[in-house]
Amino acid sequence: MLDPATLALLAKLKVLAKKTGINLDLVKMTGDKGYAELTLKELSNSDDAELVLIVVQLMNQFGLIDAPAGSSKSEDKKGGDRYIGALR
């Protein structure tokens, strides 16, 4: 069962996708990972910023984005103590 936040995102996605001419099958979207991935990748190319934001959030919730959250922060910490540049 999906949480209420994900359901709200799916509802917004359905409405915004319909405006772009794409009819989504929400039942298939939640049950078929291949369909969800293909559809979300297609919708991620939209010019509508709100639609793209929802797509990215859903891709993250469905586990379709491989980059771990916060990886750039840990890289910044590693390089923070390293000396780079000319002599002081």
PDB file of N, CA and C in Angstrom:
ATOM      1  N   MET A   1       0.845  -1.184   0.000  1.00  0.00           N
ATOM      2  CA  MET A   1       0.000   0.000   0.000  1.00  0.00           C
ATOM      3  C   MET A   1       0.882   1.237   0.000  1.00  0.00           C
ATOM      4  N   LEU A   2       0.501   2.198  -0.788  1.00  0.00           N
ATOM      5  CA  LEU A   2       1.270   3.432  -0.905  1.00  0.00           C
ATOM      6  C   LEU A   2       0.858   4.426   0.173  1.00  0.00           C
ATOM      7  N   ASP A   3       1.827   5.237   0.582  1.00  0.00           N
ATOM      8  CA  ASP A   3       1.539   6.249   1.604  1.00  0.00           C
ATOM      9  C   ASP A   3       0.761   7.420   0.974  1.00  0.00           C
ATOM     10  N   PRO A   4       0.095   8.220   1.790  1.00  0.00           N
ATOM     11  CA  PRO A   4      -0.720   9.328   1.273  1.00  0.00           C
ATOM     12  C   PRO A   4       0.078  10.343   0.446  1.00  0.00           C
ATOM     13  N   ALA A   5       1.334  10.586   0.796  1.00  0.00           N
ATOM     14  CA  ALA A   5       2.144  11.548   0.037  1.00  0.00           C
ATOM     15  C   ALA A   5       2.385  11.042  -1.386  1.00  0.00           C
ATOM     16  N   THR A   6       2.673   9.758  -1.526  1.00  0.00           N
ATOM     17  CA  THR A   6       2.896   9.187  -2.857  1.00  0.00           C
ATOM     18  C   THR A   6       1.611   9.200  -3.665  1.00  0.00           C
ATOM     19  N   LEU A   7       0.492   8.899  -3.014  1.00  0.00           N
ATOM     20  CA  LEU A   7      -0.799   8.940  -3.707  1.00  0.00           C
ATOM     21  C   LEU A   7      -1.110  10.347  -4.214  1.00  0.00           C
ATOM     22  N   ALA A   8      -0.795  11.355  -3.408  1.00  0.00           N
ATOM     23  CA  ALA A   8      -1.022  12.744  -3.819  1.00  0.00           C
ATOM     24  C   ALA A   8      -0.144  13.097  -5.022  1.00  0.00           C
ATOM     25  N   LEU A   9       1.110  12.640  -4.996  1.00  0.00           N
ATOM     26  CA  LEU A   9       2.007  12.900  -6.128  1.00  0.00           C
ATOM     27  C   LEU A   9       1.506  12.216  -7.399  1.00  0.00           C
ATOM     28  N   LEU A  10       1.008  10.991  -7.255  1.00  0.00           N
ATOM     29  CA  LEU A  10       0.472  10.271  -8.416  1.00  0.00           C
ATOM     30  C   LEU A  10      -0.755  10.981  -8.991  1.00  0.00           C
ATOM     31  N   ALA A  11      -1.599  11.530  -8.117  1.00  0.00           N
ATOM     32  CA  ALA A  11      -2.774  12.261  -8.583  1.00  0.00           C
ATOM     33  C   ALA A  11      -2.365  13.514  -9.357  1.00  0.00           C
ATOM     34  N   LYS A  12      -1.397  14.254  -8.826  1.00  0.00           N
ATOM     35  CA  LYS A  12      -0.903  15.445  -9.523  1.00  0.00           C
ATOM     36  C   LYS A  12      -0.252  15.061 -10.842  1.00  0.00           C
ATOM     37  N   LEU A  13       0.498  13.957 -10.829  1.00  0.00           N
ATOM     38  CA  LEU A  13       1.153  13.479 -12.051  1.00  0.00           C
ATOM     39  C   LEU A  13       0.122  13.164 -13.120  1.00  0.00           C
ATOM     40  N   LYS A  14      -0.957  12.506 -12.738  1.00  0.00           N
ATOM     41  CA  LYS A  14      -2.015  12.135 -13.675  1.00  0.00           C
ATOM     42  C   LYS A  14      -2.608  13.377 -14.338  1.00  0.00           C
ATOM     43  N   VAL A  15      -2.899  14.396 -13.540  1.00  0.00           N
ATOM     44  CA  VAL A  15      -3.505  15.620 -14.065  1.00  0.00           C
ATOM     45  C   VAL A  15      -2.529  16.368 -14.983  1.00  0.00           C
ATOM     46  N   LEU A  16      -1.271  16.523 -14.544  1.00  0.00           N
ATOM     47  CA  LEU A  16      -0.297  17.256 -15.341  1.00  0.00           C
ATOM     48  C   LEU A  16       0.078  16.496 -16.620  1.00  0.00           C
ATOM     49  N   ALA A  17       0.151  15.183 -16.541  1.00  0.00           N
ATOM     50  CA  ALA A  17       0.458  14.390 -17.735  1.00  0.00           C
ATOM     51  C   ALA A  17      -0.680  14.490 -18.744  1.00  0.00           C
ATOM     52  N   LYS A  18      -1.911  14.514 -18.254  1.00  0.00           N
ATOM     53  CA  LYS A  18      -3.078  14.634 -19.137  1.00  0.00           C
ATOM     54  C   LYS A  18      -3.030  15.949 -19.909  1.00  0.00           C
ATOM     55  N   LYS A  19      -2.544  17.025 -19.250  1.00  0.00           N
ATOM     56  CA  LYS A  19      -2.421  18.321 -19.914  1.00  0.00           C
ATOM     57  C   LYS A  19      -1.391  18.293 -21.038  1.00  0.00           C
ATOM     58  N   THR A  20      -0.397  17.408 -20.923  1.00  0.00           N
ATOM     59  CA  THR A  20       0.620  17.293 -21.973  1.00  0.00           C
ATOM     60  C   THR A  20       0.218  16.283 -23.038  1.00  0.00           C
ATOM     61  N   GLY A  21      -0.958  15.650 -22.862  1.00  0.00           N
ATOM     62  CA  GLY A  21      -1.450  14.713 -23.863  1.00  0.00           C
ATOM     63  C   GLY A  21      -1.106  13.258 -23.595  1.00  0.00           C
ATOM     64  N   ILE A  22      -0.611  12.963 -22.404  1.00  0.00           N
ATOM     65  CA  ILE A  22      -0.254  11.584 -22.053  1.00  0.00           C
ATOM     66  C   ILE A  22      -1.257  11.078 -21.023  1.00  0.00           C
ATOM     67  N   ASN A  23      -1.867   9.940 -21.331  1.00  0.00           N
ATOM     68  CA  ASN A  23      -2.833   9.334 -20.417  1.00  0.00           C
ATOM     69  C   ASN A  23      -2.137   8.224 -19.637  1.00  0.00           C
ATOM     70  N   LEU A  24      -2.058   8.381 -18.323  1.00  0.00           N
ATOM     71  CA  LEU A  24      -1.372   7.417 -17.465  1.00  0.00           C
ATOM     72  C   LEU A  24      -2.335   6.381 -16.910  1.00  0.00           C
ATOM     73  N   ASP A  25      -1.848   5.158 -16.788  1.00  0.00           N
ATOM     74  CA  ASP A  25      -2.566   4.097 -16.102  1.00  0.00           C
ATOM     75  C   ASP A  25      -1.934   3.985 -14.710  1.00  0.00           C
ATOM     76  N   LEU A  26      -2.590   4.567 -13.715  1.00  0.00           N
ATOM     77  CA  LEU A  26      -2.022   4.614 -12.366  1.00  0.00           C
ATOM     78  C   LEU A  26      -1.897   3.234 -11.733  1.00  0.00           C
ATOM     79  N   VAL A  27      -2.819   2.334 -12.033  1.00  0.00           N
ATOM     80  CA  VAL A  27      -2.730   0.980 -11.492  1.00  0.00           C
ATOM     81  C   VAL A  27      -1.487   0.286 -12.050  1.00  0.00           C
ATOM     82  N   LYS A  28      -1.286   0.436 -13.348  1.00  0.00           N
ATOM     83  CA  LYS A  28      -0.101  -0.156 -13.975  1.00  0.00           C
ATOM     84  C   LYS A  28       1.171   0.534 -13.487  1.00  0.00           C
ATOM     85  N   MET A  29       1.089   1.837 -13.250  1.00  0.00           N
ATOM     86  CA  MET A  29       2.237   2.612 -12.786  1.00  0.00           C
ATOM     87  C   MET A  29       2.741   2.096 -11.436  1.00  0.00           C
ATOM     88  N   THR A  30       1.828   1.740 -10.560  1.00  0.00           N
ATOM     89  CA  THR A  30       2.229   1.292  -9.230  1.00  0.00           C
ATOM     90  C   THR A  30       2.582  -0.192  -9.187  1.00  0.00           C
ATOM     91  N   GLY A  31       2.151  -0.958 -10.184  1.00  0.00           N
ATOM     92  CA  GLY A  31       2.411  -2.395 -10.166  1.00  0.00           C
ATOM     93  C   GLY A  31       3.496  -2.876 -11.107  1.00  0.00           C
ATOM     94  N   ASP A  32       3.757  -2.119 -12.172  1.00  0.00           N
ATOM     95  CA  ASP A  32       4.718  -2.530 -13.198  1.00  0.00           C
ATOM     96  C   ASP A  32       5.888  -1.546 -13.203  1.00  0.00           C
ATOM     97  N   LYS A  33       7.014  -1.970 -12.636  1.00  0.00           N
ATOM     98  CA  LYS A  33       8.170  -1.085 -12.499  1.00  0.00           C
ATOM     99  C   LYS A  33       8.712  -0.646 -13.868  1.00  0.00           C
ATOM    100  N   GLY A  34       8.674  -1.526 -14.843  1.00  0.00           N
ATOM    101  CA  GLY A  34       9.150  -1.180 -16.189  1.00  0.00           C
ATOM    102  C   GLY A  34       8.313  -0.081 -16.814  1.00  0.00           C
ATOM    103  N   TYR A  35       6.985  -0.198 -16.686  1.00  0.00           N
ATOM    104  CA  TYR A  35       6.082   0.828 -17.202  1.00  0.00           C
ATOM    105  C   TYR A  35       6.313   2.153 -16.478  1.00  0.00           C
ATOM    106  N   ALA A  36       6.454   2.084 -15.160  1.00  0.00           N
ATOM    107  CA  ALA A  36       6.678   3.297 -14.374  1.00  0.00           C
ATOM    108  C   ALA A  36       7.970   3.980 -14.804  1.00  0.00           C
ATOM    109  N   GLU A  37       9.031   3.200 -14.957  1.00  0.00           N
ATOM    110  CA  GLU A  37      10.317   3.782 -15.338  1.00  0.00           C
ATOM    111  C   GLU A  37      10.253   4.421 -16.717  1.00  0.00           C
ATOM    112  N   LEU A  38       9.676   3.723 -17.675  1.00  0.00           N
ATOM    113  CA  LEU A  38       9.566   4.248 -19.040  1.00  0.00           C
ATOM    114  C   LEU A  38       8.721   5.517 -19.084  1.00  0.00           C
ATOM    115  N   THR A  39       7.588   5.488 -18.404  1.00  0.00           N
ATOM    116  CA  THR A  39       6.682   6.637 -18.397  1.00  0.00           C
ATOM    117  C   THR A  39       7.301   7.835 -17.689  1.00  0.00           C
ATOM    118  N   LEU A  40       7.921   7.599 -16.543  1.00  0.00           N
ATOM    119  CA  LEU A  40       8.527   8.706 -15.801  1.00  0.00           C
ATOM    120  C   LEU A  40       9.705   9.304 -16.549  1.00  0.00           C
ATOM    121  N   LYS A  41      10.484   8.479 -17.236  1.00  0.00           N
ATOM    122  CA  LYS A  41      11.591   9.010 -18.042  1.00  0.00           C
ATOM    123  C   LYS A  41      11.064   9.883 -19.167  1.00  0.00           C
ATOM    124  N   GLU A  42       9.973   9.459 -19.783  1.00  0.00           N
ATOM    125  CA  GLU A  42       9.372  10.254 -20.854  1.00  0.00           C
ATOM    126  C   GLU A  42       8.856  11.588 -20.325  1.00  0.00           C
ATOM    127  N   LEU A  43       8.185  11.553 -19.177  1.00  0.00           N
ATOM    128  CA  LEU A  43       7.636  12.771 -18.597  1.00  0.00           C
ATOM    129  C   LEU A  43       8.717  13.695 -18.035  1.00  0.00           C
ATOM    130  N   SER A  44       9.889  13.167 -17.741  1.00  0.00           N
ATOM    131  CA  SER A  44      10.959  13.999 -17.191  1.00  0.00           C
ATOM    132  C   SER A  44      11.507  14.984 -18.226  1.00  0.00           C
ATOM    133  N   ASN A  45      11.170  14.792 -19.484  1.00  0.00           N
ATOM    134  CA  ASN A  45      11.618  15.703 -20.544  1.00  0.00           C
ATOM    135  C   ASN A  45      10.653  16.859 -20.770  1.00  0.00           C
ATOM    136  N   SER A  46       9.667  17.000 -19.919  1.00  0.00           N
ATOM    137  CA  SER A  46       8.660  18.047 -20.064  1.00  0.00           C
ATOM    138  C   SER A  46       9.245  19.428 -19.780  1.00  0.00           C
ATOM    139  N   ASP A  47       8.583  20.454 -20.311  1.00  0.00           N
ATOM    140  CA  ASP A  47       8.960  21.838 -20.036  1.00  0.00           C
ATOM    141  C   ASP A  47       8.299  22.360 -18.762  1.00  0.00           C
ATOM    142  N   ASP A  48       7.362  21.604 -18.219  1.00  0.00           N
ATOM    143  CA  ASP A  48       6.634  21.997 -17.016  1.00  0.00           C
ATOM    144  C   ASP A  48       7.472  21.635 -15.784  1.00  0.00           C
ATOM    145  N   ALA A  49       7.947  22.649 -15.074  1.00  0.00           N
ATOM    146  CA  ALA A  49       8.831  22.435 -13.921  1.00  0.00           C
ATOM    147  C   ALA A  49       8.146  21.643 -12.818  1.00  0.00           C
ATOM    148  N   GLU A  50       6.870  21.905 -12.570  1.00  0.00           N
ATOM    149  CA  GLU A  50       6.142  21.179 -11.525  1.00  0.00           C
ATOM    150  C   GLU A  50       6.041  19.691 -11.872  1.00  0.00           C
ATOM    151  N   LEU A  51       5.779  19.402 -13.134  1.00  0.00           N
ATOM    152  CA  LEU A  51       5.689  18.017 -13.582  1.00  0.00           C
ATOM    153  C   LEU A  51       7.025  17.302 -13.417  1.00  0.00           C
ATOM    154  N   VAL A  52       8.096  17.958 -13.789  1.00  0.00           N
ATOM    155  CA  VAL A  52       9.426  17.349 -13.673  1.00  0.00           C
ATOM    156  C   VAL A  52       9.781  17.115 -12.210  1.00  0.00           C
ATOM    157  N   LEU A  53       9.437  18.051 -11.329  1.00  0.00           N
ATOM    158  CA  LEU A  53       9.701  17.878  -9.901  1.00  0.00           C
ATOM    159  C   LEU A  53       8.952  16.665  -9.344  1.00  0.00           C
ATOM    160  N   ILE A  54       7.702  16.511  -9.723  1.00  0.00           N
ATOM    161  CA  ILE A  54       6.918  15.362  -9.280  1.00  0.00           C
ATOM    162  C   ILE A  54       7.516  14.069  -9.817  1.00  0.00           C
ATOM    163  N   VAL A  55       7.946  14.084 -11.078  1.00  0.00           N
ATOM    164  CA  VAL A  55       8.564  12.900 -11.679  1.00  0.00           C
ATOM    165  C   VAL A  55       9.818  12.497 -10.904  1.00  0.00           C
ATOM    166  N   VAL A  56      10.656  13.466 -10.578  1.00  0.00           N
ATOM    167  CA  VAL A  56      11.891  13.166  -9.842  1.00  0.00           C
ATOM    168  C   VAL A  56      11.569  12.604  -8.455  1.00  0.00           C
ATOM    169  N   GLN A  57      10.587  13.183  -7.786  1.00  0.00           N
ATOM    170  CA  GLN A  57      10.197  12.687  -6.466  1.00  0.00           C
ATOM    171  C   GLN A  57       9.687  11.254  -6.543  1.00  0.00           C
ATOM    172  N   LEU A  58       8.867  10.963  -7.549  1.00  0.00           N
ATOM    173  CA  LEU A  58       8.344   9.604  -7.693  1.00  0.00           C
ATOM    174  C   LEU A  58       9.446   8.620  -8.089  1.00  0.00           C
ATOM    175  N   MET A  59      10.354   9.050  -8.957  1.00  0.00           N
ATOM    176  CA  MET A  59      11.472   8.171  -9.326  1.00  0.00           C
ATOM    177  C   MET A  59      12.296   7.829  -8.083  1.00  0.00           C
ATOM    178  N   ASN A  60      12.483   8.791  -7.219  1.00  0.00           N
ATOM    179  CA  ASN A  60      13.212   8.563  -5.979  1.00  0.00           C
ATOM    180  C   ASN A  60      12.446   7.592  -5.072  1.00  0.00           C
ATOM    181  N   GLN A  61      11.147   7.793  -4.923  1.00  0.00           N
ATOM    182  CA  GLN A  61      10.336   6.934  -4.062  1.00  0.00           C
ATOM    183  C   GLN A  61      10.216   5.515  -4.602  1.00  0.00           C
ATOM    184  N   PHE A  62      10.197   5.374  -5.931  1.00  0.00           N
ATOM    185  CA  PHE A  62      10.098   4.048  -6.543  1.00  0.00           C
ATOM    186  C   PHE A  62      11.458   3.371  -6.674  1.00  0.00           C
ATOM    187  N   GLY A  63      12.531   4.050  -6.267  1.00  0.00           N
ATOM    188  CA  GLY A  63      13.861   3.450  -6.331  1.00  0.00           C
ATOM    189  C   GLY A  63      14.440   3.410  -7.729  1.00  0.00           C
ATOM    190  N   LEU A  64      14.040   4.343  -8.583  1.00  0.00           N
ATOM    191  CA  LEU A  64      14.521   4.370  -9.961  1.00  0.00           C
ATOM    192  C   LEU A  64      15.744   5.253 -10.149  1.00  0.00           C
ATOM    193  N   ILE A  65      16.082   6.024  -9.125  1.00  0.00           N
ATOM    194  CA  ILE A  65      17.264   6.877  -9.183  1.00  0.00           C
ATOM    195  C   ILE A  65      18.363   6.178  -8.395  1.00  0.00           C
ATOM    196  N   ASP A  66      19.504   5.928  -9.053  1.00  0.00           N
ATOM    197  CA  ASP A  66      20.574   5.147  -8.443  1.00  0.00           C
ATOM    198  C   ASP A  66      21.456   5.940  -7.488  1.00  0.00           C
ATOM    199  N   ALA A  67      21.561   7.249  -7.668  1.00  0.00           N
ATOM    200  CA  ALA A  67      22.463   8.057  -6.840  1.00  0.00           C
ATOM    201  C   ALA A  67      21.948   8.092  -5.406  1.00  0.00           C
ATOM    202  N   PRO A  68      22.789   7.713  -4.445  1.00  0.00           N
ATOM    203  CA  PRO A  68      22.354   7.776  -3.049  1.00  0.00           C
ATOM    204  C   PRO A  68      22.183   9.217  -2.594  1.00  0.00           C
ATOM    205  N   ALA A  69      21.201   9.459  -1.777  1.00  0.00           N
ATOM    206  CA  ALA A  69      20.956  10.816  -1.280  1.00  0.00           C
ATOM    207  C   ALA A  69      22.091  11.252  -0.379  1.00  0.00           C
ATOM    208  N   GLY A  70      22.564  12.470  -0.563  1.00  0.00           N
ATOM    209  CA  GLY A  70      23.603  13.024   0.296  1.00  0.00           C
ATOM    210  C   GLY A  70      25.012  12.612  -0.076  1.00  0.00           C
ATOM    211  N   SER A  71      25.231  12.042  -1.251  1.00  0.00           N
ATOM    212  CA  SER A  71      26.583  11.615  -1.616  1.00  0.00           C
ATOM    213  C   SER A  71      27.507  12.803  -1.829  1.00  0.00           C
ATOM    214  N   SER A  72      26.978  13.917  -2.313  1.00  0.00           N
ATOM    215  CA  SER A  72      27.829  15.080  -2.537  1.00  0.00           C
ATOM    216  C   SER A  72      28.288  15.686  -1.212  1.00  0.00           C
ATOM    217  N   LYS A  73      27.472  15.584  -0.184  1.00  0.00           N
ATOM    218  CA  LYS A  73      27.854  16.111   1.123  1.00  0.00           C
ATOM    219  C   LYS A  73      29.028  15.336   1.701  1.00  0.00           C
ATOM    220  N   SER A  74      29.013  14.026   1.551  1.00  0.00           N
ATOM    221  CA  SER A  74      30.110  13.227   2.091  1.00  0.00           C
ATOM    222  C   SER A  74      31.393  13.471   1.307  1.00  0.00           C
ATOM    223  N   GLU A  75      31.275  13.729   0.006  1.00  0.00           N
ATOM    224  CA  GLU A  75      32.456  14.040  -0.792  1.00  0.00           C
ATOM    225  C   GLU A  75      33.053  15.374  -0.369  1.00  0.00           C
ATOM    226  N   ASP A  76      32.193  16.346  -0.029  1.00  0.00           N
ATOM    227  CA  ASP A  76      32.680  17.644   0.411  1.00  0.00           C
ATOM    228  C   ASP A  76      33.454  17.511   1.718  1.00  0.00           C
ATOM    229  N   LYS A  77      32.982  16.666   2.594  1.00  0.00           N
ATOM    230  CA  LYS A  77      33.657  16.475   3.872  1.00  0.00           C
ATOM    231  C   LYS A  77      35.024  15.835   3.677  1.00  0.00           C
ATOM    232  N   LYS A  78      35.126  14.894   2.754  1.00  0.00           N
ATOM    233  CA  LYS A  78      36.398  14.217   2.517  1.00  0.00           C
ATOM    234  C   LYS A  78      37.447  15.197   1.995  1.00  0.00           C
ATOM    235  N   GLY A  79      37.048  16.073   1.087  1.00  0.00           N
ATOM    236  CA  GLY A  79      37.999  16.986   0.464  1.00  0.00           C
ATOM    237  C   GLY A  79      38.235  18.255   1.261  1.00  0.00           C
ATOM    238  N   GLY A  80      37.522  18.460   2.356  1.00  0.00           N
ATOM    239  CA  GLY A  80      37.633  19.678   3.130  1.00  0.00           C
ATOM    240  C   GLY A  80      38.973  19.853   3.820  1.00  0.00           C
ATOM    241  N   ASP A  81      39.619  18.766   4.200  1.00  0.00           N
ATOM    242  CA  ASP A  81      40.896  18.859   4.913  1.00  0.00           C
ATOM    243  C   ASP A  81      42.090  18.823   3.969  1.00  0.00           C
ATOM    244  N   ARG A  82      41.842  18.606   2.718  1.00  0.00           N
ATOM    245  CA  ARG A  82      42.921  18.478   1.754  1.00  0.00           C
ATOM    246  C   ARG A  82      43.420  19.858   1.331  1.00  0.00           C
ATOM    247  N   TYR A  83      44.737  20.049   1.303  1.00  0.00           N
ATOM    248  CA  TYR A  83      45.333  21.336   0.922  1.00  0.00           C
ATOM    249  C   TYR A  83      45.446  21.404  -0.598  1.00  0.00           C
ATOM    250  N   ILE A  84      44.898  22.459  -1.158  1.00  0.00           N
ATOM    251  CA  ILE A  84      44.978  22.672  -2.615  1.00  0.00           C
ATOM    252  C   ILE A  84      45.371  24.122  -2.830  1.00  0.00           C
ATOM    253  N   GLY A  85      46.386  24.355  -3.634  1.00  0.00           N
ATOM    254  CA  GLY A  85      46.755  25.724  -3.971  1.00  0.00           C
ATOM    255  C   GLY A  85      48.210  26.005  -3.719  1.00  0.00           C
ATOM    256  N   ALA A  86      48.534  27.277  -3.768  1.00  0.00           N
ATOM    257  CA  ALA A  86      49.920  27.729  -3.611  1.00  0.00           C
ATOM    258  C   ALA A  86      50.304  27.814  -2.137  1.00  0.00           C
ATOM    259  N   LEU A  87      51.578  28.049  -1.899  1.00  0.00           N
ATOM    260  CA  LEU A  87      52.067  28.218  -0.531  1.00  0.00           C
ATOM    261  C   LEU A  87      51.455  29.461   0.077  1.00  0.00           C
ATOM    262  N   ARG A  88      51.266  29.400   1.369  1.00  0.00           N
ATOM    263  CA  ARG A  88      50.638  30.559   2.040  1.00  0.00           C
ATOM    264  C   ARG A  88      51.662  31.540   2.491  1.00  0.00           C
TER     265      ARG A  88
END
